[in-house]
Amino acid sequence: MLKKLKKNEYNWTFQYIKEYNDMVAYYEKQLEEKDKTIDLLRAENLKLKKSNKFQSKIKQISDKDILKIRKLKDEGKSYNFISKETGWSKATISRVINNKSGIY
């Protein structure tokens, strides 16, 4: 079945297996590098999520702020002016003034 190769014959199966193993090793190395990059990005993502810069607003609007917003609107002030005065967004001011959901 398998003949022993003579010294001058080309051993293609050995060469094929060697090239295949080299190729597999190269791709495994590439995958390891990608995994390291992914781990670094995940760690950075967690770090950014924990930082205050990306935290959602925890503070809830107080009754005092609601009364101030309504008072300023009754005086004819614009949403932009009220936003600058109170520090609340125009959308929040609109929700307080219109109060369709009955929360405020």
PDB file of N, CA and C in Angstrom:
ATOM      1  N   MET A   1       0.823  -1.183   0.000  1.00  0.00           N
ATOM      2  CA  MET A   1       0.000   0.000   0.000  1.00  0.00           C
ATOM      3  C   MET A   1       0.868   1.248   0.000  1.00  0.00           C
ATOM      4  N   LEU A   2       1.423   1.581   1.141  1.00  0.00           N
ATOM      5  CA  LEU A   2       2.299   2.737   1.176  1.00  0.00           C
ATOM      6  C   LEU A   2       3.727   2.280   0.930  1.00  0.00           C
ATOM      7  N   LYS A   3       4.281   2.850  -0.083  1.00  0.00           N
ATOM      8  CA  LYS A   3       5.668   2.518  -0.374  1.00  0.00           C
ATOM      9  C   LYS A   3       6.569   3.484   0.365  1.00  0.00           C
ATOM     10  N   LYS A   4       7.679   3.004   0.731  1.00  0.00           N
ATOM     11  CA  LYS A   4       8.654   3.877   1.344  1.00  0.00           C
ATOM     12  C   LYS A   4       9.231   4.753   0.240  1.00  0.00           C
ATOM     13  N   LEU A   5       9.262   6.061   0.495  1.00  0.00           N
ATOM     14  CA  LEU A   5       9.729   6.977  -0.530  1.00  0.00           C
ATOM     15  C   LEU A   5      11.243   6.933  -0.650  1.00  0.00           C
ATOM     16  N   LYS A   6      11.652   7.078  -1.869  1.00  0.00           N
ATOM     17  CA  LYS A   6      13.082   7.170  -2.101  1.00  0.00           C
ATOM     18  C   LYS A   6      13.534   8.573  -1.747  1.00  0.00           C
ATOM     19  N   LYS A   7      14.805   8.761  -1.605  1.00  0.00           N
ATOM     20  CA  LYS A   7      15.351  10.035  -1.175  1.00  0.00           C
ATOM     21  C   LYS A   7      15.007  11.170  -2.126  1.00  0.00           C
ATOM     22  N   ASN A   8      14.929  10.928  -3.389  1.00  0.00           N
ATOM     23  CA  ASN A   8      14.709  11.997  -4.356  1.00  0.00           C
ATOM     24  C   ASN A   8      13.233  12.230  -4.678  1.00  0.00           C
ATOM     25  N   GLU A   9      12.328  11.433  -4.159  1.00  0.00           N
ATOM     26  CA  GLU A   9      10.907  11.630  -4.425  1.00  0.00           C
ATOM     27  C   GLU A   9      10.337  12.686  -3.474  1.00  0.00           C
ATOM     28  N   TYR A  10       9.384  13.439  -3.990  1.00  0.00           N
ATOM     29  CA  TYR A  10       8.765  14.526  -3.227  1.00  0.00           C
ATOM     30  C   TYR A  10       7.652  13.954  -2.355  1.00  0.00           C
ATOM     31  N   ASN A  11       7.710  14.187  -1.082  1.00  0.00           N
ATOM     32  CA  ASN A  11       6.700  13.686  -0.152  1.00  0.00           C
ATOM     33  C   ASN A  11       5.588  14.735  -0.045  1.00  0.00           C
ATOM     34  N   TRP A  12       4.617  14.691  -0.937  1.00  0.00           N
ATOM     35  CA  TRP A  12       3.573  15.718  -0.999  1.00  0.00           C
ATOM     36  C   TRP A  12       2.620  15.652   0.185  1.00  0.00           C
ATOM     37  N   THR A  13       2.356  14.471   0.723  1.00  0.00           N
ATOM     38  CA  THR A  13       1.432  14.386   1.861  1.00  0.00           C
ATOM     39  C   THR A  13       2.022  15.063   3.086  1.00  0.00           C
ATOM     40  N   PHE A  14       3.312  14.842   3.301  1.00  0.00           N
ATOM     41  CA  PHE A  14       3.961  15.506   4.438  1.00  0.00           C
ATOM     42  C   PHE A  14       3.925  17.020   4.263  1.00  0.00           C
ATOM     43  N   GLN A  15       4.227  17.464   3.054  1.00  0.00           N
ATOM     44  CA  GLN A  15       4.243  18.904   2.771  1.00  0.00           C
ATOM     45  C   GLN A  15       2.832  19.494   2.913  1.00  0.00           C
ATOM     46  N   TYR A  16       1.835  18.775   2.436  1.00  0.00           N
ATOM     47  CA  TYR A  16       0.446  19.236   2.522  1.00  0.00           C
ATOM     48  C   TYR A  16       0.022  19.380   3.983  1.00  0.00           C
ATOM     49  N   ILE A  17       0.322  18.382   4.786  1.00  0.00           N
ATOM     50  CA  ILE A  17      -0.040  18.416   6.208  1.00  0.00           C
ATOM     51  C   ILE A  17       0.701  19.535   6.920  1.00  0.00           C
ATOM     52  N   LYS A  18       1.967  19.723   6.577  1.00  0.00           N
ATOM     53  CA  LYS A  18       2.758  20.795   7.190  1.00  0.00           C
ATOM     54  C   LYS A  18       2.159  22.167   6.856  1.00  0.00           C
ATOM     55  N   GLU A  19       1.809  22.382   5.586  1.00  0.00           N
ATOM     56  CA  GLU A  19       1.210  23.661   5.176  1.00  0.00           C
ATOM     57  C   GLU A  19      -0.149  23.868   5.842  1.00  0.00           C
ATOM     58  N   TYR A  20      -0.920  22.789   5.931  1.00  0.00           N
ATOM     59  CA  TYR A  20      -2.221  22.873   6.583  1.00  0.00           C
ATOM     60  C   TYR A  20      -2.060  23.262   8.052  1.00  0.00           C
ATOM     61  N   ASN A  21      -1.138  22.632   8.745  1.00  0.00           N
ATOM     62  CA  ASN A  21      -0.901  22.945  10.157  1.00  0.00           C
ATOM     63  C   ASN A  21      -0.406  24.374  10.337  1.00  0.00           C
ATOM     64  N   ASP A  22       0.444  24.834   9.427  1.00  0.00           N
ATOM     65  CA  ASP A  22       0.912  26.220   9.481  1.00  0.00           C
ATOM     66  C   ASP A  22      -0.259  27.189   9.309  1.00  0.00           C
ATOM     67  N   MET A  23      -1.140  26.865   8.361  1.00  0.00           N
ATOM     68  CA  MET A  23      -2.300  27.712   8.103  1.00  0.00           C
ATOM     69  C   MET A  23      -3.227  27.741   9.328  1.00  0.00           C
ATOM     70  N   VAL A  24      -3.472  26.597   9.924  1.00  0.00           N
ATOM     71  CA  VAL A  24      -4.325  26.519  11.111  1.00  0.00           C
ATOM     72  C   VAL A  24      -3.711  27.317  12.254  1.00  0.00           C
ATOM     73  N   ALA A  25      -2.408  27.193  12.440  1.00  0.00           N
ATOM     74  CA  ALA A  25      -1.728  27.937  13.505  1.00  0.00           C
ATOM     75  C   ALA A  25      -1.845  29.441  13.275  1.00  0.00           C
ATOM     76  N   TYR A  26      -1.707  29.868  12.016  1.00  0.00           N
ATOM     77  CA  TYR A  26      -1.828  31.292  11.686  1.00  0.00           C
ATOM     78  C   TYR A  26      -3.226  31.807  12.039  1.00  0.00           C
ATOM     79  N   TYR A  27      -4.263  31.076  11.640  1.00  0.00           N
ATOM     80  CA  TYR A  27      -5.628  31.519  11.916  1.00  0.00           C
ATOM     81  C   TYR A  27      -5.965  31.455  13.401  1.00  0.00           C
ATOM     82  N   GLU A  28      -5.422  30.482  14.101  1.00  0.00           N
ATOM     83  CA  GLU A  28      -5.639  30.431  15.549  1.00  0.00           C
ATOM     84  C   GLU A  28      -4.999  31.631  16.237  1.00  0.00           C
ATOM     85  N   LYS A  29      -3.830  32.026  15.756  1.00  0.00           N
ATOM     86  CA  LYS A  29      -3.166  33.208  16.306  1.00  0.00           C
ATOM     87  C   LYS A  29      -4.005  34.457  16.035  1.00  0.00           C
ATOM     88  N   GLN A  30      -4.553  34.554  14.826  1.00  0.00           N
ATOM     89  CA  GLN A  30      -5.411  35.692  14.478  1.00  0.00           C
ATOM     90  C   GLN A  30      -6.642  35.732  15.387  1.00  0.00           C
ATOM     91  N   LEU A  31      -7.236  34.571  15.627  1.00  0.00           N
ATOM     92  CA  LEU A  31      -8.414  34.504  16.495  1.00  0.00           C
ATOM     93  C   LEU A  31      -8.078  34.906  17.925  1.00  0.00           C
ATOM     94  N   GLU A  32      -6.926  34.492  18.409  1.00  0.00           N
ATOM     95  CA  GLU A  32      -6.511  34.878  19.760  1.00  0.00           C
ATOM     96  C   GLU A  32      -6.334  36.390  19.865  1.00  0.00           C
ATOM     97  N   GLU A  33      -5.743  36.995  18.831  1.00  0.00           N
ATOM     98  CA  GLU A  33      -5.569  38.450  18.828  1.00  0.00           C
ATOM     99  C   GLU A  33      -6.923  39.155  18.822  1.00  0.00           C
ATOM    100  N   LYS A  34      -7.852  38.643  18.024  1.00  0.00           N
ATOM    101  CA  LYS A  34      -9.200  39.232  17.980  1.00  0.00           C
ATOM    102  C   LYS A  34      -9.890  39.085  19.329  1.00  0.00           C
ATOM    103  N   ASP A  35      -9.738  37.927  19.967  1.00  0.00           N
ATOM    104  CA  ASP A  35     -10.343  37.713  21.284  1.00  0.00           C
ATOM    105  C   ASP A  35      -9.779  38.686  22.315  1.00  0.00           C
ATOM    106  N   LYS A  36      -8.469  38.933  22.248  1.00  0.00           N
ATOM    107  CA  LYS A  36      -7.855  39.901  23.164  1.00  0.00           C
ATOM    108  C   LYS A  36      -8.424  41.295  22.925  1.00  0.00           C
ATOM    109  N   THR A  37      -8.571  41.653  21.646  1.00  0.00           N
ATOM    110  CA  THR A  37      -9.132  42.962  21.307  1.00  0.00           C
ATOM    111  C   THR A  37     -10.563  43.079  21.813  1.00  0.00           C
ATOM    112  N   ILE A  38     -11.342  42.034  21.636  1.00  0.00           N
ATOM    113  CA  ILE A  38     -12.733  42.033  22.101  1.00  0.00           C
ATOM    114  C   ILE A  38     -12.786  42.177  23.617  1.00  0.00           C
ATOM    115  N   ASP A  39     -11.914  41.468  24.324  1.00  0.00           N
ATOM    116  CA  ASP A  39     -11.883  41.576  25.790  1.00  0.00           C
ATOM    117  C   ASP A  39     -11.521  42.985  26.233  1.00  0.00           C
ATOM    118  N   LEU A  40     -10.541  43.598  25.555  1.00  0.00           N
ATOM    119  CA  LEU A  40     -10.163  44.975  25.889  1.00  0.00           C
ATOM    120  C   LEU A  40     -11.323  45.938  25.647  1.00  0.00           C
ATOM    121  N   LEU A  41     -12.027  45.753  24.532  1.00  0.00           N
ATOM    122  CA  LEU A  41     -13.163  46.625  24.223  1.00  0.00           C
ATOM    123  C   LEU A  41     -14.300  46.430  25.219  1.00  0.00           C
ATOM    124  N   ARG A  42     -14.530  45.199  25.634  1.00  0.00           N
ATOM    125  CA  ARG A  42     -15.572  44.950  26.643  1.00  0.00           C
ATOM    126  C   ARG A  42     -15.229  45.639  27.955  1.00  0.00           C
ATOM    127  N   ALA A  43     -13.958  45.545  28.347  1.00  0.00           N
ATOM    128  CA  ALA A  43     -13.525  46.193  29.591  1.00  0.00           C
ATOM    129  C   ALA A  43     -13.684  47.710  29.489  1.00  0.00           C
ATOM    130  N   GLU A  44     -13.325  48.259  28.341  1.00  0.00           N
ATOM    131  CA  GLU A  44     -13.472  49.705  28.145  1.00  0.00           C
ATOM    132  C   GLU A  44     -14.942  50.104  28.148  1.00  0.00           C
ATOM    133  N   ASN A  45     -15.781  49.270  27.547  1.00  0.00           N
ATOM    134  CA  ASN A  45     -17.218  49.536  27.513  1.00  0.00           C
ATOM    135  C   ASN A  45     -17.796  49.561  28.923  1.00  0.00           C
ATOM    136  N   LEU A  46     -17.412  48.599  29.752  1.00  0.00           N
ATOM    137  CA  LEU A  46     -17.877  48.575  31.144  1.00  0.00           C
ATOM    138  C   LEU A  46     -17.390  49.801  31.903  1.00  0.00           C
ATOM    139  N   LYS A  47     -16.148  50.180  31.658  1.00  0.00           N
ATOM    140  CA  LYS A  47     -15.581  51.357  32.318  1.00  0.00           C
ATOM    141  C   LYS A  47     -16.375  52.611  31.944  1.00  0.00           C
ATOM    142  N   LEU A  48     -16.721  52.734  30.661  1.00  0.00           N
ATOM    143  CA  LEU A  48     -17.490  53.897  30.219  1.00  0.00           C
ATOM    144  C   LEU A  48     -18.905  53.885  30.792  1.00  0.00           C
ATOM    145  N   LYS A  49     -19.505  52.708  30.881  1.00  0.00           N
ATOM    146  CA  LYS A  49     -20.851  52.618  31.444  1.00  0.00           C
ATOM    147  C   LYS A  49     -20.873  53.025  32.911  1.00  0.00           C
ATOM    148  N   LYS A  50     -19.783  52.731  33.622  1.00  0.00           N
ATOM    149  CA  LYS A  50     -19.719  53.070  35.042  1.00  0.00           C
ATOM    150  C   LYS A  50     -19.395  54.537  35.278  1.00  0.00           C
ATOM    151  N   SER A  51     -18.826  55.196  34.277  1.00  0.00           N
ATOM    152  CA  SER A  51     -18.459  56.602  34.470  1.00  0.00           C
ATOM    153  C   SER A  51     -19.716  57.465  34.528  1.00  0.00           C
ATOM    154  N   ASN A  52     -19.623  58.590  35.205  1.00  0.00           N
ATOM    155  CA  ASN A  52     -20.772  59.477  35.385  1.00  0.00           C
ATOM    156  C   ASN A  52     -21.231  60.109  34.085  1.00  0.00           C
ATOM    157  N   LYS A  53     -20.350  60.202  33.125  1.00  0.00           N
ATOM    158  CA  LYS A  53     -20.683  60.880  31.875  1.00  0.00           C
ATOM    159  C   LYS A  53     -21.853  60.212  31.152  1.00  0.00           C
ATOM    160  N   PHE A  54     -21.952  58.891  31.263  1.00  0.00           N
ATOM    161  CA  PHE A  54     -22.978  58.172  30.525  1.00  0.00           C
ATOM    162  C   PHE A  54     -24.114  57.668  31.411  1.00  0.00           C
ATOM    163  N   GLN A  55     -24.187  58.143  32.633  1.00  0.00           N
ATOM    164  CA  GLN A  55     -25.269  57.743  33.526  1.00  0.00           C
ATOM    165  C   GLN A  55     -26.536  58.515  33.174  1.00  0.00           C
ATOM    166  N   SER A  56     -27.663  57.858  33.284  1.00  0.00           N
ATOM    167  CA  SER A  56     -28.926  58.546  33.059  1.00  0.00           C
ATOM    168  C   SER A  56     -29.230  59.427  34.267  1.00  0.00           C
ATOM    169  N   LYS A  57     -30.130  60.344  34.060  1.00  0.00           N
ATOM    170  CA  LYS A  57     -30.468  61.273  35.128  1.00  0.00           C
ATOM    171  C   LYS A  57     -31.205  60.535  36.243  1.00  0.00           C
ATOM    172  N   ILE A  58     -30.671  60.580  37.429  1.00  0.00           N
ATOM    173  CA  ILE A  58     -31.267  59.887  38.571  1.00  0.00           C
ATOM    174  C   ILE A  58     -32.291  60.788  39.253  1.00  0.00           C
ATOM    175  N   LYS A  59     -32.005  62.069  39.259  1.00  0.00           N
ATOM    176  CA  LYS A  59     -32.841  63.040  39.956  1.00  0.00           C
ATOM    177  C   LYS A  59     -34.237  63.104  39.331  1.00  0.00           C
ATOM    178  N   GLN A  60     -35.244  63.122  40.159  1.00  0.00           N
ATOM    179  CA  GLN A  60     -36.615  63.276  39.696  1.00  0.00           C
ATOM    180  C   GLN A  60     -37.042  64.719  39.916  1.00  0.00           C
ATOM    181  N   ILE A  61     -37.944  65.181  39.086  1.00  0.00           N
ATOM    182  CA  ILE A  61     -38.395  66.568  39.197  1.00  0.00           C
ATOM    183  C   ILE A  61     -39.207  66.747  40.480  1.00  0.00           C
ATOM    184  N   SER A  62     -38.937  67.825  41.169  1.00  0.00           N
ATOM    185  CA  SER A  62     -39.611  68.069  42.452  1.00  0.00           C
ATOM    186  C   SER A  62     -40.860  68.927  42.242  1.00  0.00           C
ATOM    187  N   ASP A  63     -41.717  68.952  43.259  1.00  0.00           N
ATOM    188  CA  ASP A  63     -42.925  69.778  43.199  1.00  0.00           C
ATOM    189  C   ASP A  63     -42.556  71.251  43.080  1.00  0.00           C
ATOM    190  N   LYS A  64     -41.479  71.636  43.730  1.00  0.00           N
ATOM    191  CA  LYS A  64     -41.012  73.021  43.667  1.00  0.00           C
ATOM    192  C   LYS A  64     -40.660  73.400  42.223  1.00  0.00           C
ATOM    193  N   ASP A  65     -39.964  72.493  41.520  1.00  0.00           N
ATOM    194  CA  ASP A  65     -39.608  72.747  40.122  1.00  0.00           C
ATOM    195  C   ASP A  65     -40.853  72.810  39.237  1.00  0.00           C
ATOM    196  N   ILE A  66     -41.816  71.939  39.504  1.00  0.00           N
ATOM    197  CA  ILE A  66     -43.058  71.934  38.721  1.00  0.00           C
ATOM    198  C   ILE A  66     -43.783  73.266  38.878  1.00  0.00           C
ATOM    199  N   LEU A  67     -43.887  73.744  40.115  1.00  0.00           N
ATOM    200  CA  LEU A  67     -44.551  75.032  40.357  1.00  0.00           C
ATOM    201  C   LEU A  67     -43.804  76.174  39.678  1.00  0.00           C
ATOM    202  N   LYS A  68     -42.476  76.135  39.723  1.00  0.00           N
ATOM    203  CA  LYS A  68     -41.675  77.180  39.092  1.00  0.00           C
ATOM    204  C   LYS A  68     -41.874  77.170  37.576  1.00  0.00           C
ATOM    205  N   ILE A  69     -41.908  75.971  36.974  1.00  0.00           N
ATOM    206  CA  ILE A  69     -42.116  75.854  35.525  1.00  0.00           C
ATOM    207  C   ILE A  69     -43.477  76.414  35.146  1.00  0.00           C
ATOM    208  N   ARG A  70     -44.513  76.034  35.881  1.00  0.00           N
ATOM    209  CA  ARG A  70     -45.866  76.526  35.572  1.00  0.00           C
ATOM    210  C   ARG A  70     -45.968  78.035  35.758  1.00  0.00           C
ATOM    211  N   LYS A  71     -45.322  78.558  36.796  1.00  0.00           N
ATOM    212  CA  LYS A  71     -45.337  79.995  37.051  1.00  0.00           C
ATOM    213  C   LYS A  71     -44.674  80.745  35.895  1.00  0.00           C
ATOM    214  N   LEU A  72     -43.513  80.263  35.460  1.00  0.00           N
ATOM    215  CA  LEU A  72     -42.808  80.914  34.353  1.00  0.00           C
ATOM    216  C   LEU A  72     -43.623  80.841  33.060  1.00  0.00           C
ATOM    217  N   LYS A  73     -44.305  79.732  32.832  1.00  0.00           N
ATOM    218  CA  LYS A  73     -45.126  79.601  31.621  1.00  0.00           C
ATOM    219  C   LYS A  73     -46.325  80.539  31.696  1.00  0.00           C
ATOM    220  N   ASP A  74     -46.922  80.676  32.889  1.00  0.00           N
ATOM    221  CA  ASP A  74     -48.045  81.608  33.055  1.00  0.00           C
ATOM    222  C   ASP A  74     -47.609  83.049  32.818  1.00  0.00           C
ATOM    223  N   GLU A  75     -46.332  83.329  33.097  1.00  0.00           N
ATOM    224  CA  GLU A  75     -45.792  84.665  32.843  1.00  0.00           C
ATOM    225  C   GLU A  75     -45.486  84.872  31.363  1.00  0.00           C
ATOM    226  N   GLY A  76     -45.664  83.839  30.551  1.00  0.00           N
ATOM    227  CA  GLY A  76     -45.471  83.959  29.112  1.00  0.00           C
ATOM    228  C   GLY A  76     -44.059  83.655  28.637  1.00  0.00           C
ATOM    229  N   LYS A  77     -43.263  83.028  29.478  1.00  0.00           N
ATOM    230  CA  LYS A  77     -41.881  82.712  29.104  1.00  0.00           C
ATOM    231  C   LYS A  77     -41.858  81.516  28.146  1.00  0.00           C
ATOM    232  N   SER A  78     -40.834  81.490  27.297  1.00  0.00           N
ATOM    233  CA  SER A  78     -40.698  80.409  26.312  1.00  0.00           C
ATOM    234  C   SER A  78     -40.113  79.154  26.966  1.00  0.00           C
ATOM    235  N   TYR A  79     -40.279  78.030  26.265  1.00  0.00           N
ATOM    236  CA  TYR A  79     -39.715  76.774  26.755  1.00  0.00           C
ATOM    237  C   TYR A  79     -38.203  76.887  26.887  1.00  0.00           C
ATOM    238  N   ASN A  80     -37.573  77.565  25.929  1.00  0.00           N
ATOM    239  CA  ASN A  80     -36.118  77.726  25.949  1.00  0.00           C
ATOM    240  C   ASN A  80     -35.682  78.506  27.192  1.00  0.00           C
ATOM    241  N   PHE A  81     -36.379  79.583  27.498  1.00  0.00           N
ATOM    242  CA  PHE A  81     -36.053  80.392  28.675  1.00  0.00           C
ATOM    243  C   PHE A  81     -36.255  79.577  29.955  1.00  0.00           C
ATOM    244  N   ILE A  82     -37.392  78.872  30.027  1.00  0.00           N
ATOM    245  CA  ILE A  82     -37.692  78.056  31.212  1.00  0.00           C
ATOM    246  C   ILE A  82     -36.636  76.961  31.380  1.00  0.00           C
ATOM    247  N   SER A  83     -36.208  76.382  30.262  1.00  0.00           N
ATOM    248  CA  SER A  83     -35.187  75.343  30.302  1.00  0.00           C
ATOM    249  C   SER A  83     -33.886  75.874  30.882  1.00  0.00           C
ATOM    250  N   LYS A  84     -33.498  77.058  30.459  1.00  0.00           N
ATOM    251  CA  LYS A  84     -32.264  77.658  30.976  1.00  0.00           C
ATOM    252  C   LYS A  84     -32.404  78.041  32.449  1.00  0.00           C
ATOM    253  N   GLU A  85     -33.576  78.484  32.847  1.00  0.00           N
ATOM    254  CA  GLU A  85     -33.808  78.884  34.246  1.00  0.00           C
ATOM    255  C   GLU A  85     -33.801  77.691  35.199  1.00  0.00           C
ATOM    256  N   THR A  86     -34.463  76.618  34.789  1.00  0.00           N
ATOM    257  CA  THR A  86     -34.665  75.493  35.702  1.00  0.00           C
ATOM    258  C   THR A  86     -33.640  74.374  35.545  1.00  0.00           C
ATOM    259  N   GLY A  87     -33.016  74.285  34.376  1.00  0.00           N
ATOM    260  CA  GLY A  87     -32.064  73.205  34.131  1.00  0.00           C
ATOM    261  C   GLY A  87     -32.707  71.934  33.602  1.00  0.00           C
ATOM    262  N   TRP A  88     -34.006  71.954  33.406  1.00  0.00           N
ATOM    263  CA  TRP A  88     -34.713  70.802  32.853  1.00  0.00           C
ATOM    264  C   TRP A  88     -34.801  70.940  31.342  1.00  0.00           C
ATOM    265  N   SER A  89     -34.924  69.818  30.652  1.00  0.00           N
ATOM    266  CA  SER A  89     -34.997  69.840  29.193  1.00  0.00           C
ATOM    267  C   SER A  89     -36.344  70.396  28.739  1.00  0.00           C
ATOM    268  N   LYS A  90     -36.374  70.831  27.492  1.00  0.00           N
ATOM    269  CA  LYS A  90     -37.619  71.360  26.926  1.00  0.00           C
ATOM    270  C   LYS A  90     -38.698  70.283  26.891  1.00  0.00           C
ATOM    271  N   ALA A  91     -38.284  69.042  26.661  1.00  0.00           N
ATOM    272  CA  ALA A  91     -39.259  67.945  26.632  1.00  0.00           C
ATOM    273  C   ALA A  91     -39.904  67.753  28.004  1.00  0.00           C
ATOM    274  N   THR A  92     -39.108  67.826  29.066  1.00  0.00           N
ATOM    275  CA  THR A  92     -39.646  67.694  30.427  1.00  0.00           C
ATOM    276  C   THR A  92     -40.577  68.855  30.732  1.00  0.00           C
ATOM    277  N   ILE A  93     -40.178  70.046  30.327  1.00  0.00           N
ATOM    278  CA  ILE A  93     -41.013  71.228  30.553  1.00  0.00           C
ATOM    279  C   ILE A  93     -42.337  71.080  29.823  1.00  0.00           C
ATOM    280  N   SER A  94     -42.278  70.582  28.599  1.00  0.00           N
ATOM    281  CA  SER A  94     -43.505  70.358  27.831  1.00  0.00           C
ATOM    282  C   SER A  94     -44.406  69.348  28.533  1.00  0.00           C
ATOM    283  N   ARG A  95     -43.827  68.274  29.061  1.00  0.00           N
ATOM    284  CA  ARG A  95     -44.636  67.269  29.769  1.00  0.00           C
ATOM    285  C   ARG A  95     -45.274  67.855  31.022  1.00  0.00           C
ATOM    286  N   VAL A  96     -44.536  68.720  31.723  1.00  0.00           N
ATOM    287  CA  VAL A  96     -45.083  69.334  32.939  1.00  0.00           C
ATOM    288  C   VAL A  96     -46.224  70.276  32.577  1.00  0.00           C
ATOM    289  N   ILE A  97     -46.023  71.098  31.553  1.00  0.00           N
ATOM    290  CA  ILE A  97     -47.029  72.105  31.190  1.00  0.00           C
ATOM    291  C   ILE A  97     -48.276  71.450  30.606  1.00  0.00           C
ATOM    292  N   ASN A  98     -48.100  70.520  29.688  1.00  0.00           N
ATOM    293  CA  ASN A  98     -49.256  69.890  29.042  1.00  0.00           C
ATOM    294  C   ASN A  98     -49.906  68.844  29.949  1.00  0.00           C
ATOM    295  N   ASN A  99     -49.118  68.098  30.695  1.00  0.00           N
ATOM    296  CA  ASN A  99     -49.579  67.140  31.699  1.00  0.00           C
ATOM    297  C   ASN A  99     -50.726  66.257  31.211  1.00  0.00           C
ATOM    298  N   LYS A 100     -50.577  65.701  30.021  1.00  0.00           N
ATOM    299  CA  LYS A 100     -51.626  64.847  29.463  1.00  0.00           C
ATOM    300  C   LYS A 100     -51.772  63.540  30.237  1.00  0.00           C
ATOM    301  N   SER A 101     -50.664  63.050  30.785  1.00  0.00           N
ATOM    302  CA  SER A 101     -50.719  61.766  31.496  1.00  0.00           C
ATOM    303  C   SER A 101     -51.140  61.919  32.952  1.00  0.00           C
ATOM    304  N   GLY A 102     -51.203  63.144  33.450  1.00  0.00           N
ATOM    305  CA  GLY A 102     -51.633  63.388  34.820  1.00  0.00           C
ATOM    306  C   GLY A 102     -50.585  63.074  35.869  1.00  0.00           C
ATOM    307  N   ILE A 103     -49.332  62.945  35.466  1.00  0.00           N
ATOM    308  CA  ILE A 103     -48.269  62.624  36.427  1.00  0.00           C
ATOM    309  C   ILE A 103     -47.874  63.852  37.232  1.00  0.00           C
ATOM    310  N   TYR A 104     -47.835  65.008  36.588  1.00  0.00           N
ATOM    311  CA  TYR A 104     -47.308  66.212  37.234  1.00  0.00           C
ATOM    312  C   TYR A 104     -48.423  66.985  37.855  1.00  0.00           C
TER     313      TYR A 104
END
